[in-house]
N, C-alpha and C. Protein backbone atom coordinates (compact mmCIF):
# COMPACT_ATOMS: atom_id res chain seq x y z
N MET A 1 78.37 29.42 37.07
CA MET A 1 78.20 28.89 38.37
C MET A 1 77.73 28.92 39.41
N THR A 2 76.21 29.21 40.04
CA THR A 2 76.47 30.05 40.30
C THR A 2 76.33 29.44 42.32
N VAL A 3 76.59 29.78 43.06
CA VAL A 3 76.90 29.02 44.42
C VAL A 3 75.84 29.29 45.56
N LEU A 4 74.98 28.93 45.66
CA LEU A 4 74.03 29.71 46.46
C LEU A 4 74.54 30.07 47.48
N PRO A 5 73.91 30.37 48.79
CA PRO A 5 74.55 30.91 50.15
C PRO A 5 74.39 29.91 51.67
N ASN A 6 75.81 30.13 52.13
CA ASN A 6 75.18 29.55 53.11
C ASN A 6 74.64 29.73 54.82
N PRO A 7 73.60 29.51 55.93
CA PRO A 7 73.15 30.13 56.42
C PRO A 7 73.90 31.35 56.73
N ARG A 8 72.94 32.73 56.83
CA ARG A 8 73.89 33.65 57.09
C ARG A 8 73.98 34.08 58.30
N PRO A 9 74.72 35.24 59.19
CA PRO A 9 75.17 34.83 60.12
C PRO A 9 73.66 36.14 60.71
N SER A 10 74.21 35.97 62.22
CA SER A 10 73.01 36.92 63.03
C SER A 10 73.88 38.89 62.86
N GLY A 11 72.70 39.49 62.95
CA GLY A 11 73.02 40.76 62.99
C GLY A 11 73.09 41.13 61.47
N ARG A 12 73.57 42.33 61.90
CA ARG A 12 73.57 43.53 60.85
C ARG A 12 74.07 42.47 59.20
N TRP A 13 74.47 42.34 57.90
CA TRP A 13 74.70 41.81 57.27
C TRP A 13 74.43 41.50 55.94
N LEU A 14 75.76 41.26 55.17
CA LEU A 14 75.97 41.81 53.48
C LEU A 14 75.78 40.20 53.09
N LEU A 15 75.56 40.56 51.02
CA LEU A 15 75.56 39.46 50.36
C LEU A 15 76.90 39.63 50.12
N THR A 16 78.13 38.97 50.09
CA THR A 16 79.47 39.34 49.49
C THR A 16 79.26 38.20 47.95
N ILE A 17 79.62 38.67 46.92
CA ILE A 17 78.89 38.45 45.71
C ILE A 17 81.01 38.39 45.80
N THR A 18 81.61 36.99 44.84
CA THR A 18 82.56 36.70 44.66
C THR A 18 82.85 35.86 43.76
N ILE A 19 83.78 36.67 42.39
CA ILE A 19 83.37 36.11 40.66
C ILE A 19 84.39 35.00 39.87
N GLN A 20 84.87 34.62 39.83
CA GLN A 20 85.73 34.26 38.69
C GLN A 20 85.78 34.28 37.36
N ALA A 21 86.26 35.25 36.60
CA ALA A 21 86.59 35.09 35.10
C ALA A 21 86.64 33.99 34.67
N ALA A 22 86.10 33.40 33.97
CA ALA A 22 86.01 32.19 33.13
C ALA A 22 87.25 32.20 32.23
N HIS A 23 87.73 31.53 31.47
CA HIS A 23 88.90 31.79 30.74
C HIS A 23 88.06 31.76 29.05
N ALA A 24 89.25 32.31 28.03
CA ALA A 24 88.35 33.12 26.83
C ALA A 24 89.85 33.28 26.43
N ASP A 25 88.81 33.83 24.92
CA ASP A 25 90.30 33.85 23.61
C ASP A 25 90.62 35.93 24.38
N ASP A 26 91.02 36.45 23.46
CA ASP A 26 91.05 37.70 24.28
C ASP A 26 90.06 38.28 23.90
N THR A 27 89.42 38.41 22.69
CA THR A 27 88.19 39.17 22.56
C THR A 27 86.94 39.13 23.58
N ARG A 28 86.84 37.85 23.67
CA ARG A 28 85.31 37.58 25.04
C ARG A 28 86.07 37.92 26.05
N TRP A 29 87.61 36.98 26.23
CA TRP A 29 87.91 37.69 27.68
C TRP A 29 87.77 39.21 27.81
N ASN A 30 88.38 40.36 26.70
CA ASN A 30 87.97 41.75 26.95
C ASN A 30 87.28 41.58 27.42
N GLN A 31 85.85 41.53 25.96
CA GLN A 31 84.13 41.86 26.43
C GLN A 31 84.13 41.04 27.93
N GLN A 32 84.42 40.02 28.99
CA GLN A 32 84.21 40.13 29.92
C GLN A 32 84.15 40.70 31.65
N LEU A 33 86.01 40.80 31.02
CA LEU A 33 86.10 41.85 32.12
C LEU A 33 85.62 43.41 31.97
N ALA A 34 85.24 44.18 30.42
CA ALA A 34 84.38 45.41 30.80
C ALA A 34 83.19 44.47 31.74
N VAL A 35 82.15 43.78 31.10
CA VAL A 35 81.70 43.32 31.77
C VAL A 35 81.40 43.37 33.03
N LEU A 36 82.46 43.09 33.93
CA LEU A 36 82.51 42.37 35.35
C LEU A 36 83.21 44.08 36.33
N ARG A 37 84.04 44.94 35.34
CA ARG A 37 84.11 45.95 35.85
C ARG A 37 83.08 47.30 36.45
N SER A 38 82.56 46.64 35.30
CA SER A 38 81.27 47.54 35.61
C SER A 38 80.18 47.56 37.31
N VAL A 39 80.42 46.04 37.39
CA VAL A 39 80.10 46.04 38.76
C VAL A 39 80.73 45.44 39.87
N SER A 40 81.77 45.88 39.86
CA SER A 40 82.65 44.46 40.73
C SER A 40 83.94 45.13 40.87
N THR A 41 84.41 44.71 41.84
CA THR A 41 86.70 45.52 41.68
C THR A 41 86.95 44.01 42.16
N TYR A 42 88.75 44.58 40.94
CA TYR A 42 89.11 43.24 41.01
C TYR A 42 90.03 43.31 42.30
N ASP A 43 90.62 41.73 42.78
CA ASP A 43 91.74 42.05 43.75
C ASP A 43 92.89 40.93 42.78
N PRO A 44 94.58 41.30 43.17
CA PRO A 44 94.72 41.10 42.36
C PRO A 44 95.88 39.70 43.71
N VAL A 45 95.42 39.84 44.42
CA VAL A 45 95.88 39.59 45.09
C VAL A 45 95.07 37.61 45.29
N THR A 46 93.33 37.03 45.46
CA THR A 46 93.28 36.80 44.74
C THR A 46 92.60 36.31 43.60
N GLN A 47 93.11 36.90 42.59
CA GLN A 47 92.53 37.74 41.25
C GLN A 47 90.75 36.69 41.09
N THR A 48 90.65 37.76 41.70
CA THR A 48 88.81 37.61 41.79
C THR A 48 88.09 38.43 41.66
N TRP A 49 87.28 39.24 41.52
CA TRP A 49 86.62 40.42 41.22
C TRP A 49 84.80 39.91 42.76
N SER A 50 84.53 41.45 43.97
CA SER A 50 83.65 41.14 44.23
C SER A 50 83.07 42.14 44.20
N THR A 51 82.14 42.25 44.96
CA THR A 51 81.01 43.53 44.88
C THR A 51 80.19 43.34 46.36
N ARG A 52 79.62 43.63 46.83
CA ARG A 52 78.61 43.38 48.63
C ARG A 52 77.21 44.03 48.47
N ILE A 53 76.27 43.17 48.52
CA ILE A 53 74.64 43.89 48.27
C ILE A 53 74.27 44.13 50.04
N GLY A 54 74.02 45.65 50.19
CA GLY A 54 73.30 45.03 51.20
C GLY A 54 71.80 45.41 51.56
N VAL A 55 71.18 45.88 50.22
CA VAL A 55 70.07 46.33 49.77
C VAL A 55 69.56 45.56 48.54
N LEU A 56 69.02 45.27 48.44
CA LEU A 56 67.87 44.40 47.08
C LEU A 56 66.79 45.98 46.19
N ASP A 57 67.47 46.24 46.00
CA ASP A 57 67.05 48.14 45.18
C ASP A 57 66.94 47.43 43.52
N VAL A 58 66.48 48.52 42.74
CA VAL A 58 66.49 48.90 41.50
C VAL A 58 68.37 48.30 41.05
N PRO A 59 69.48 49.48 41.30
CA PRO A 59 70.50 49.11 40.69
C PRO A 59 70.65 48.11 41.36
N THR A 60 70.64 47.53 42.28
CA THR A 60 71.34 46.16 43.17
C THR A 60 70.57 44.74 42.12
N LEU A 61 69.93 44.66 41.49
CA LEU A 61 68.82 44.09 41.20
C LEU A 61 70.22 44.10 39.44
N GLY A 62 70.49 44.84 39.01
CA GLY A 62 70.25 45.16 37.48
C GLY A 62 71.85 44.66 38.04
N THR A 63 72.53 45.02 38.34
CA THR A 63 74.16 44.21 39.70
C THR A 63 74.21 42.46 39.33
N LEU A 64 72.70 42.03 39.49
CA LEU A 64 72.39 41.25 39.64
C LEU A 64 72.48 40.68 38.60
N GLN A 65 71.46 40.72 37.26
CA GLN A 65 70.95 40.61 36.49
C GLN A 65 73.07 40.26 35.27
N THR A 66 73.13 41.69 35.40
CA THR A 66 74.40 41.78 34.95
C THR A 66 75.56 40.40 34.96
N LEU A 67 75.89 40.12 36.10
CA LEU A 67 76.70 38.85 36.34
C LEU A 67 76.59 38.21 36.53
N PHE A 68 74.54 38.06 36.12
CA PHE A 68 73.87 36.48 35.56
C PHE A 68 74.36 36.28 34.47
N ASP A 69 73.80 37.20 33.91
CA ASP A 69 74.50 37.69 32.19
C ASP A 69 75.49 37.12 32.07
N ALA A 70 77.07 36.91 32.98
CA ALA A 70 78.02 37.27 32.34
C ALA A 70 78.09 35.67 32.58
N ALA A 71 77.88 35.31 33.22
CA ALA A 71 77.73 33.94 33.15
C ALA A 71 77.34 33.47 32.84
N ARG A 72 76.23 33.27 32.75
CA ARG A 72 75.39 32.33 31.00
C ARG A 72 76.34 33.66 29.46
N THR A 73 76.54 33.94 29.46
CA THR A 73 77.51 34.77 28.66
C THR A 73 78.73 33.63 28.24
N PHE A 74 78.96 33.43 29.59
CA PHE A 74 81.66 33.28 29.18
C PHE A 74 81.67 32.47 30.47
N GLY A 75 80.57 31.82 31.08
CA GLY A 75 80.54 31.00 31.88
C GLY A 75 81.39 31.13 33.47
N THR A 76 81.02 33.02 33.50
CA THR A 76 81.92 33.34 34.77
C THR A 76 80.87 33.01 35.65
N GLU A 77 82.03 32.24 36.71
CA GLU A 77 81.61 31.95 38.46
C GLU A 77 81.37 32.56 39.04
N ILE A 78 80.34 32.33 39.93
CA ILE A 78 79.63 33.46 41.15
C ILE A 78 79.30 33.01 41.84
N SER A 79 79.44 33.50 43.35
CA SER A 79 79.59 32.09 44.42
C SER A 79 78.64 33.93 45.50
N ILE A 80 77.77 33.22 46.16
CA ILE A 80 77.09 34.42 47.38
C ILE A 80 77.22 34.17 48.21
N GLU A 81 77.80 34.86 49.83
CA GLU A 81 78.09 34.45 50.46
C GLU A 81 77.52 35.45 51.21
N PRO A 82 76.32 35.20 53.03
CA PRO A 82 76.48 35.93 53.98
C PRO A 82 77.64 35.79 54.98
N GLU A 83 77.59 37.51 54.90
CA GLU A 83 78.74 38.25 55.66
C GLU A 83 78.66 38.63 57.12
N GLN A 84 79.04 39.46 57.93
CA GLN A 84 78.87 39.99 59.12
C GLN A 84 79.24 41.33 58.82
N VAL A 85 78.61 42.39 58.47
CA VAL A 85 78.84 44.00 58.49
C VAL A 85 80.38 44.25 59.31
N PRO A 86 81.16 44.02 58.42
CA PRO A 86 82.81 44.10 58.71
C PRO A 86 83.02 46.23 59.44
N ALA A 87 83.45 46.43 59.96
CA ALA A 87 83.65 47.85 60.48
C ALA A 87 84.30 49.29 59.63
N GLY A 88 83.62 49.96 59.67
CA GLY A 88 83.89 51.00 58.50
C GLY A 88 82.87 51.09 56.89
N TRP A 89 81.99 49.40 57.10
CA TRP A 89 81.25 49.23 55.85
C TRP A 89 80.69 50.27 55.90
N PRO A 90 80.23 51.62 54.56
CA PRO A 90 79.35 52.15 54.87
C PRO A 90 77.50 52.93 54.33
N GLY A 91 77.98 51.72 53.24
CA GLY A 91 76.78 50.99 53.14
C GLY A 91 75.48 50.68 53.72
N PRO A 92 74.42 50.62 52.63
CA PRO A 92 73.35 49.80 54.28
C PRO A 92 73.69 48.21 53.45
N SER A 93 72.91 47.64 54.65
CA SER A 93 72.92 46.28 55.06
C SER A 93 71.93 46.00 55.40
N PHE A 94 71.51 44.63 55.44
CA PHE A 94 70.31 44.02 55.96
C PHE A 94 70.83 43.81 57.24
N ASN A 95 69.65 43.82 57.91
CA ASN A 95 68.90 43.58 59.47
C ASN A 95 68.30 41.84 59.57
N SER A 96 67.10 41.48 59.46
CA SER A 96 66.92 40.37 59.51
C SER A 96 66.02 39.66 57.80
N ASP A 97 66.02 38.08 57.82
CA ASP A 97 65.55 37.75 56.67
C ASP A 97 63.84 38.03 56.17
N ALA A 98 63.35 38.58 57.00
CA ALA A 98 61.60 39.21 56.95
C ALA A 98 62.26 40.11 55.55
N GLU A 99 63.17 41.26 56.46
CA GLU A 99 63.14 41.96 55.47
C GLU A 99 63.75 41.83 53.89
N LEU A 100 64.74 40.92 53.46
CA LEU A 100 65.54 40.76 52.25
C LEU A 100 64.50 39.37 51.95
N ALA A 101 63.11 38.62 52.61
CA ALA A 101 62.14 37.57 51.71
C ALA A 101 61.30 38.70 51.65
N ALA A 102 60.82 40.22 52.39
CA ALA A 102 59.78 41.28 51.79
C ALA A 102 60.26 41.57 50.25
N LEU A 103 61.93 41.99 50.55
CA LEU A 103 61.88 42.04 48.81
C LEU A 103 62.23 41.65 47.82
N LEU A 104 62.52 41.01 48.34
CA LEU A 104 62.64 38.93 47.09
C LEU A 104 61.13 39.16 46.17
N ILE A 105 60.09 38.68 46.51
CA ILE A 105 58.51 38.82 46.91
C ILE A 105 58.29 40.33 46.18
N ALA A 106 58.59 41.55 46.37
CA ALA A 106 57.70 42.32 46.19
C ALA A 106 58.67 42.56 44.22
N LYS A 107 60.12 42.21 44.04
CA LYS A 107 61.24 41.96 42.84
C LYS A 107 60.92 41.77 42.42
N THR A 108 60.34 40.24 42.32
CA THR A 108 60.76 38.96 41.54
C THR A 108 59.09 38.66 41.05
N ASP A 109 59.05 37.31 39.80
CA ASP A 109 57.90 37.18 38.90
C ASP A 109 58.56 35.76 39.45
N GLU A 110 56.59 35.51 40.06
CA GLU A 110 56.99 33.98 39.53
C GLU A 110 56.92 32.98 38.99
N ARG A 111 56.57 33.00 37.80
CA ARG A 111 57.24 32.09 36.14
C ARG A 111 58.25 32.92 36.08
N ARG A 112 58.69 33.45 36.73
CA ARG A 112 61.01 34.01 35.74
C ARG A 112 61.44 33.16 37.21
N PRO A 113 63.04 32.35 37.09
CA PRO A 113 63.77 31.67 38.12
C PRO A 113 64.82 32.60 38.70
N LEU A 114 64.31 33.26 39.64
CA LEU A 114 66.21 34.31 40.12
C LEU A 114 67.20 33.76 38.97
N GLY A 115 68.16 35.22 38.25
CA GLY A 115 68.93 35.31 37.47
C GLY A 115 68.34 35.26 35.88
N GLN A 116 66.53 35.40 36.34
CA GLN A 116 65.96 35.54 34.39
C GLN A 116 65.16 36.92 35.45
N LEU A 117 66.12 38.05 36.22
CA LEU A 117 64.94 39.29 36.21
C LEU A 117 64.74 39.55 35.30
N HIS A 118 63.60 40.75 35.02
CA HIS A 118 63.64 41.31 34.64
C HIS A 118 63.42 42.24 34.76
N ILE A 119 64.33 43.20 34.40
CA ILE A 119 64.10 45.53 34.90
C ILE A 119 63.65 46.05 34.89
N SER A 120 63.01 46.85 34.25
CA SER A 120 62.79 47.67 33.00
C SER A 120 62.55 49.67 34.33
């Protein structure tokens, strides 16, 4: 399941992706964890995986595709929420809705729904 974000905060912001692994037998569990490890980090306190996105480029689209594939293959739950850039954030961040909209238009194919992006 993918949960769509609430309206974003003002100023510089990121998309925070929180991932809840689906229950599975040992083999599928290990396969799922291998996929999640490749694109996110684990928080033992919340028992969730997470990653942050501040730019939509080819590597980031690859991360999103990996997460959508995990959701489709394993039933992994993925939530995306906007958040203010935390103090000390070393990476890029979004500055405006227009910036994000322009990137989405440039990177998507109108015949393909989000989550089925083709990356060449």
